[in-house]
Protein backbone atom coordinates (compact mmCIF):
# COMPACT_ATOMS: atom_id res chain seq x y z
CA MET A 1 184.36 -50.03 -11.64
CA LYS A 2 180.16 -50.31 -11.94
CA SER A 3 180.68 -47.92 -14.60
CA ILE A 4 183.52 -50.51 -16.16
CA GLN A 5 180.75 -52.85 -15.68
CA ASN A 6 177.43 -51.25 -17.05
CA GLU A 7 180.35 -50.62 -20.79
CA ILE A 8 180.65 -54.47 -21.08
CA ARG A 9 177.12 -54.90 -20.14
CA LEU A 10 176.17 -52.42 -22.94
CA ARG A 11 178.15 -53.91 -25.08
CA GLY A 12 176.90 -57.71 -24.68
CA TYR A 13 180.38 -59.27 -23.53
CA SER A 14 180.18 -62.31 -22.08
CA TYR A 15 179.97 -63.21 -18.53
CA LYS A 16 183.45 -65.11 -18.69
CA THR A 17 185.28 -61.52 -20.45
CA GLU A 18 183.45 -59.21 -17.65
CA LYS A 19 184.89 -61.26 -14.96
CA SER A 20 188.27 -61.42 -16.59
CA TYR A 21 188.07 -57.75 -17.37
CA LEU A 22 187.22 -56.25 -13.97
CA GLY A 23 189.94 -59.03 -12.18
CA TRP A 24 192.59 -57.64 -13.93
CA ILE A 25 191.35 -53.53 -14.10
CA ARG A 26 191.42 -54.79 -9.98
CA GLN A 27 194.98 -56.08 -9.85
CA PHE A 28 196.02 -53.00 -11.82
CA ILE A 29 194.86 -50.44 -9.10
CA TYR A 30 195.85 -52.72 -5.88
CA PHE A 31 199.46 -52.36 -8.01
CA ASN A 32 199.44 -49.13 -8.41
CA ASN A 33 198.34 -48.48 -4.54
CA LYS A 34 194.56 -48.13 -4.91
CA GLN A 35 195.36 -45.04 -6.95
CA HIS A 36 192.27 -43.83 -9.64
CA PRO A 37 193.17 -45.42 -13.25
CA GLN A 38 192.13 -41.36 -13.86
CA ASN A 39 195.47 -40.61 -12.61
CA LEU A 40 197.63 -43.27 -14.29
CA GLY A 41 198.53 -43.96 -17.75
CA THR A 42 200.91 -45.11 -20.10
CA GLU A 43 203.80 -45.83 -17.81
CA GLU A 44 202.24 -47.28 -14.99
CA VAL A 45 200.28 -49.67 -17.66
CA LYS A 46 203.82 -50.73 -19.01
CA SER A 47 205.08 -51.05 -15.72
CA PHE A 48 202.08 -53.52 -14.57
CA LEU A 49 202.11 -55.89 -17.93
CA THR A 50 206.54 -55.70 -17.36
CA PHE A 51 206.01 -57.40 -13.70
CA LEU A 52 202.89 -59.59 -14.66
CA ALA A 53 205.72 -60.91 -17.17
CA VAL A 54 208.89 -60.84 -15.07
CA ASP A 55 207.56 -61.84 -11.72
CA ARG A 56 204.44 -63.53 -11.74
CA HIS A 57 205.97 -65.28 -15.52
CA VAL A 58 202.53 -65.53 -17.06
CA ALA A 59 201.88 -66.92 -19.87
CA VAL A 60 201.78 -64.76 -23.78
CA ASN A 61 197.85 -64.87 -23.57
CA THR A 62 197.31 -63.95 -19.94
CA GLN A 63 199.48 -61.06 -20.19
CA LYS A 64 197.11 -60.26 -23.50
CA SER A 65 194.10 -60.46 -21.61
CA ALA A 66 195.59 -58.00 -18.49
CA LEU A 67 196.37 -55.81 -21.92
CA ASN A 68 192.94 -55.73 -23.33
CA ALA A 69 191.22 -55.40 -19.91
CA LEU A 70 193.41 -52.25 -19.40
CA VAL A 71 193.14 -50.39 -22.72
CA PHE A 72 189.10 -51.02 -22.65
CA MET A 73 189.05 -49.31 -19.44
CA TYR A 74 191.08 -46.36 -21.11
CA ASP A 75 189.22 -46.22 -24.20
CA LYS A 76 185.52 -47.11 -23.74
CA VAL A 77 185.46 -45.81 -20.04
CA LEU A 78 187.77 -43.10 -19.46
CA LYS A 79 188.33 -41.27 -22.73
CA GLN A 80 191.72 -41.32 -22.43
CA PRO A 81 193.31 -43.93 -24.74
CA LEU A 82 196.84 -45.24 -23.89
CA GLY A 83 197.84 -44.89 -27.62
CA GLU A 84 201.61 -46.18 -28.45
CA ILE A 85 202.52 -48.10 -25.15
CA GLY A 86 206.27 -49.23 -26.44
CA PHE A 87 205.67 -52.30 -25.00
CA THR A 88 206.59 -55.93 -27.13
CA LEU A 89 204.58 -58.41 -25.90
CA ALA A 90 206.83 -61.97 -25.68
CA THR A 91 206.27 -63.85 -28.63
CA LYS A 92 204.51 -67.12 -28.60
CA GLN A 93 205.77 -70.30 -30.20
CA ARG A 94 203.69 -72.93 -32.06
CA SER A 95 202.92 -75.49 -29.99
CA LEU A 96 201.30 -78.51 -31.19
CA PRO A 97 198.15 -79.94 -29.33
CA LEU A 98 197.81 -82.91 -27.40
CA VAL A 99 195.93 -85.45 -28.95
CA LEU A 100 194.73 -89.17 -27.46
CA SER A 101 194.86 -92.27 -30.13
CA GLU A 102 191.26 -93.79 -30.77
CA LEU A 103 192.38 -96.54 -28.70
CA GLU A 104 193.30 -93.85 -25.62
CA VAL A 105 189.89 -92.16 -25.87
CA GLN A 106 187.96 -95.48 -25.46
CA THR A 107 189.90 -96.35 -22.53
CA VAL A 108 188.91 -93.36 -20.93
CA LEU A 109 185.64 -93.26 -21.71
CA LYS A 110 185.19 -96.46 -20.37
CA GLN A 111 186.10 -95.09 -16.76
CA LEU A 112 184.15 -92.66 -16.60
CA LYS A 113 180.09 -93.51 -15.76
CA ASP A 114 176.64 -91.52 -16.76
CA GLY A 115 176.43 -87.65 -17.69
CA ASN A 116 180.69 -87.49 -17.10
CA LYS A 117 181.06 -89.95 -19.99
CA LEU A 118 178.17 -88.36 -21.97
CA ALA A 119 179.62 -84.91 -21.63
CA VAL A 120 183.16 -86.49 -22.41
CA ALA A 121 181.96 -88.80 -25.51
CA LEU A 122 180.26 -85.28 -26.63
CA MET A 123 183.51 -83.13 -26.66
CA TYR A 124 185.38 -85.81 -29.03
CA GLY A 125 182.36 -87.37 -30.81
CA SER A 126 181.00 -83.39 -31.65
CA GLY A 127 184.39 -81.34 -31.31
CA LEU A 128 183.51 -79.22 -28.38
CA ARG A 129 184.58 -77.30 -26.00
CA VAL A 130 183.80 -78.23 -22.51
CA SER A 131 181.62 -74.68 -21.83
CA GLU A 132 179.73 -75.65 -25.19
CA CYS A 133 179.07 -78.98 -24.30
CA LEU A 134 177.44 -77.84 -20.86
CA ASN A 135 175.84 -74.98 -22.44
CA LEU A 136 173.59 -77.04 -24.59
CA ARG A 137 169.73 -76.97 -23.87
CA LEU A 138 167.07 -79.37 -24.76
CA HIS A 139 166.07 -77.18 -28.19
CA ASP A 140 169.82 -77.27 -29.31
CA ILE A 141 169.64 -81.04 -30.11
CA ASP A 142 168.56 -82.29 -33.34
CA PHE A 143 167.90 -86.02 -33.77
CA ASP A 144 166.49 -85.74 -37.13
CA GLN A 145 169.66 -84.04 -38.71
CA ASN A 146 171.98 -85.88 -36.26
CA ALA A 147 173.15 -82.55 -35.51
CA LEU A 148 173.91 -79.88 -32.47
CA ARG A 149 173.42 -76.67 -32.42
CA ILE A 150 176.02 -74.08 -30.59
CA ILE A 151 174.76 -70.72 -29.81
CA ASN A 152 176.25 -67.81 -28.52
CA SER A 153 180.11 -69.89 -28.42
CA LYS A 154 183.88 -67.98 -28.50
CA GLU A 155 183.24 -64.74 -30.11
CA ASN A 156 180.00 -64.81 -29.92
CA LYS A 157 179.16 -67.18 -33.05
CA ASP A 158 177.06 -69.78 -33.70
CA ARG A 159 177.21 -72.87 -35.47
CA VAL A 160 175.98 -76.43 -35.90
CA THR A 161 178.02 -79.34 -35.70
CA LEU A 162 177.55 -83.85 -35.52
CA LEU A 163 175.58 -85.41 -32.88
CA SER A 164 176.87 -89.16 -33.24
CA PRO A 165 173.48 -91.78 -33.68
CA ARG A 166 175.70 -94.10 -30.69
CA LEU A 167 174.56 -91.10 -28.55
CA PHE A 168 170.65 -90.68 -29.25
CA GLY A 169 170.09 -93.53 -25.99
CA ALA A 170 172.06 -91.58 -23.59
CA VAL A 171 171.05 -88.46 -24.68
CA ARG A 172 167.36 -89.44 -24.30
CA GLN A 173 167.88 -90.69 -21.12
CA LEU A 174 169.41 -87.53 -19.91
CA ILE A 175 166.67 -85.27 -21.72
CA GLU A 176 164.12 -87.20 -19.47
CA GLN A 177 165.96 -86.34 -16.22
CA ALA A 178 166.79 -82.66 -17.11
CA ILE A 179 162.59 -82.53 -18.29
CA VAL A 180 161.64 -83.60 -14.47
CA VAL A 181 164.14 -81.73 -12.86
CA GLN A 182 162.48 -79.25 -14.79
CA LYS A 183 159.13 -79.41 -13.77
CA ASN A 184 160.45 -79.72 -9.78
CA ASP A 185 161.70 -76.24 -10.37
CA ASN A 186 158.94 -74.68 -12.08
CA LEU A 187 156.38 -75.97 -9.09
CA LEU A 188 158.97 -73.60 -6.60
CA GLY A 189 158.64 -70.89 -9.36
CA ILE A 190 162.11 -71.19 -10.78
CA GLY A 191 163.50 -72.80 -13.59
CA SER A 192 166.78 -72.56 -15.86
CA SER A 193 168.75 -69.33 -15.95
CA MET A 194 167.88 -67.38 -18.91
CA PRO A 195 169.86 -63.84 -20.92
CA PRO A 196 168.31 -61.52 -19.11
CA ALA A 197 167.21 -59.64 -22.32
CA LEU A 198 165.51 -62.83 -23.19
CA GLY A 199 164.34 -63.29 -19.61
CA ARG A 200 162.11 -60.12 -19.78
CA LYS A 201 160.90 -60.50 -23.32
CA TYR A 202 159.48 -63.78 -22.05
CA PRO A 203 159.21 -64.11 -18.88
CA ASN A 204 157.77 -67.58 -19.13
CA ALA A 205 160.02 -69.02 -21.22
CA PHE A 206 162.08 -70.47 -17.57
CA ARG A 207 159.42 -72.78 -17.65
CA SER A 208 159.54 -74.50 -21.33
CA PRO A 209 161.82 -77.78 -21.56
CA GLY A 210 163.28 -76.39 -24.65
CA TRP A 211 165.08 -74.16 -22.14
CA ALA A 212 166.28 -76.61 -20.05
CA PHE A 213 170.32 -77.81 -19.52
CA LEU A 214 171.36 -81.39 -20.79
CA PHE A 215 173.64 -80.93 -18.12
CA PRO A 216 171.72 -78.75 -14.91
CA SER A 217 173.03 -78.27 -12.02
CA THR A 218 172.77 -80.07 -9.14
CA THR A 219 171.54 -76.96 -6.73
CA THR A 220 170.17 -73.62 -7.78
CA CYS A 221 171.70 -69.99 -7.67
CA LEU A 222 171.21 -66.64 -7.95
CA HIS A 223 171.72 -65.47 -11.50
CA PRO A 224 175.04 -63.24 -11.61
CA ILE A 225 173.36 -60.44 -13.75
CA SER A 226 169.43 -60.54 -13.12
CA LYS A 227 169.91 -61.89 -9.46
CA ILE A 228 166.98 -64.15 -9.80
CA GLU A 229 166.79 -67.54 -8.48
CA CYS A 230 167.06 -70.25 -10.89
CA ARG A 231 169.30 -73.61 -11.76
CA HIS A 232 172.35 -72.85 -14.36
CA HIS A 233 174.15 -75.64 -15.83
CA LEU A 234 176.93 -78.41 -14.09
CA HIS A 235 180.14 -76.59 -13.30
CA PRO A 236 182.82 -77.46 -15.48
CA SER A 237 185.06 -78.18 -12.31
CA VAL A 238 182.42 -82.07 -12.13
CA ILE A 239 183.83 -82.94 -15.39
CA ARG A 240 187.26 -81.99 -14.90
CA LYS A 241 187.26 -83.94 -11.44
CA ALA A 242 185.86 -86.97 -13.19
CA LEU A 243 188.48 -86.87 -16.04
CA LYS A 244 191.46 -86.67 -13.85
CA LEU A 245 190.31 -89.70 -12.05
CA ALA A 246 189.65 -91.82 -15.45
CA VAL A 247 192.77 -90.87 -17.01
CA SER A 248 194.63 -91.68 -14.07
CA GLN A 249 192.84 -94.79 -13.57
CA ALA A 250 193.21 -95.44 -17.69
CA GLY A 251 196.92 -95.77 -16.72
CA ILE A 252 197.92 -92.60 -19.32
CA PHE A 253 200.44 -90.09 -18.56
CA LYS A 254 199.64 -87.74 -20.96
CA ARG A 255 198.45 -84.50 -19.49
CA VAL A 256 194.57 -84.27 -20.54
CA THR A 257 192.24 -82.24 -20.24
CA CYS A 258 188.82 -81.81 -21.97
CA HIS A 259 189.90 -79.70 -24.00
CA THR A 260 191.99 -82.34 -25.64
CA PHE A 261 189.14 -84.26 -26.98
CA ARG A 262 188.70 -81.92 -29.47
CA HIS A 263 191.64 -81.63 -30.37
CA SER A 264 191.17 -85.41 -30.80
CA PHE A 265 188.28 -84.65 -32.71
CA ALA A 266 189.52 -82.78 -35.34
CA THR A 267 193.10 -84.91 -35.84
CA HIS A 268 190.86 -88.06 -35.82
CA MET A 269 188.69 -86.37 -38.40
CA LEU A 270 191.69 -85.18 -40.87
CA SER A 271 193.16 -88.58 -40.83
CA ASN A 272 190.18 -90.56 -41.90
CA GLY A 273 190.20 -88.28 -45.33
CA THR A 274 187.58 -85.53 -43.99
CA ASP A 275 187.69 -82.06 -45.96
CA ILE A 276 189.66 -79.54 -43.87
CA ARG A 277 187.17 -76.89 -44.53
CA THR A 278 184.71 -79.55 -43.16
CA VAL A 279 186.71 -79.43 -40.00
CA GLN A 280 186.72 -75.58 -40.09
CA ASP A 281 182.90 -75.20 -39.47
CA LEU A 282 182.42 -78.03 -37.18
CA LEU A 283 185.04 -76.75 -35.03
CA GLY A 284 184.09 -72.87 -35.41
CA HIS A 285 187.75 -71.58 -36.39
CA ASN A 286 187.10 -68.32 -38.23
CA ASP A 287 190.51 -69.15 -40.20
CA VAL A 288 191.45 -72.27 -41.80
CA LYS A 289 194.83 -71.79 -40.75
CA THR A 290 193.80 -72.40 -37.17
CA THR A 291 192.43 -75.92 -38.21
CA GLN A 292 195.71 -76.40 -40.00
CA ILE A 293 197.73 -76.87 -37.30
CA TYR A 294 196.34 -80.71 -36.56
CA THR A 295 198.05 -81.78 -40.14
CA HIS A 296 201.03 -81.11 -38.46
CA VAL A 297 200.39 -83.31 -35.61
CA LEU A 298 199.08 -86.11 -38.17
CA GLY A 299 202.44 -85.35 -39.72
CA GLN A 300 201.04 -84.59 -43.25
CA HIS A 301 202.60 -81.23 -43.36
CA TYR A 302 206.03 -83.56 -44.35
CA ALA A 303 204.11 -86.00 -46.39
CA GLY A 304 205.83 -88.58 -48.52
CA THR A 305 208.43 -88.05 -46.13
CA ASP A 306 209.95 -91.09 -43.85
CA SER A 307 212.75 -91.43 -41.15
CA PRO A 308 215.88 -92.19 -42.24
CA LEU A 309 216.14 -95.01 -39.91
CA ASN A 310 213.95 -97.24 -41.09
CA ARG A 311 216.35 -97.50 -44.48
CA LEU A 312 218.74 -98.97 -42.45
CA ASP A 313 219.99 -102.52 -42.44
CA PHE A 314 220.23 -103.38 -38.62
CA ASP A 315 219.55 -105.57 -35.93
CA GLU A 316 215.70 -104.70 -34.95
CA ASP A 317 216.27 -105.74 -31.64
CA ILE A 318 217.70 -102.77 -31.16
């Protein structure tokens, strides 16, 4: 497991991917009665994936994550490529993203307070994932350009997206609070968590206000890689719990998650006439086909069509 971890870090994969890969590989080993993977092969991998699909009823993407972890281990670490497994993953049908109306977004925001309200407002106003929102550092905010820099997001991509001027006041207030937290931590010789390589190159960077998180955690912790005491950003579960309560108080019965506000951002941008390629860039999609799913939510895929019921003459009080 240590050699797999070293190989993952050597390739610069995210910590989230590292945890996922190690978790799936550990499950694979236990599934095969703790045998060393070197003594296992294609048939055992196929049996494990079948178990996940048939007995555990996991989603298609979960199945793919497990397969990716095992392929990485055999190909990059054990140097025993699996080759053709002869296993067909379940096909995933297209599912439309759930979006909120502008009124519903407004109603939910009214139920939230302080940092939780700003986080959700940023996810909706800038099209951010919850991880991107919480990973924001003070030097990523550009008031002059009305912009946010999103660094090392999904697939290690960087991009620039919008920052609504309506949030300037709340963001500036949170910046002041984050700097106070940073200064108090510096007195104790600690600061914001840093990427290990960058922390070694710039050993005092953790003292810089620019590296402070906009949404700092309420407690310090040990960095999972460097083991140095530091302050990370707020855990996503804090926002999710606050959002769940707010949705309930707003009387909305849709299944609303943090990602719903990113979907709503894209849909509302398109409905207001924004070019789809612009929305693609703001969201950070590699392929415009990914962004086109929101045209189905709008109904623009069927532009010019109308329900046949509208052409009937009948009692409208039906």
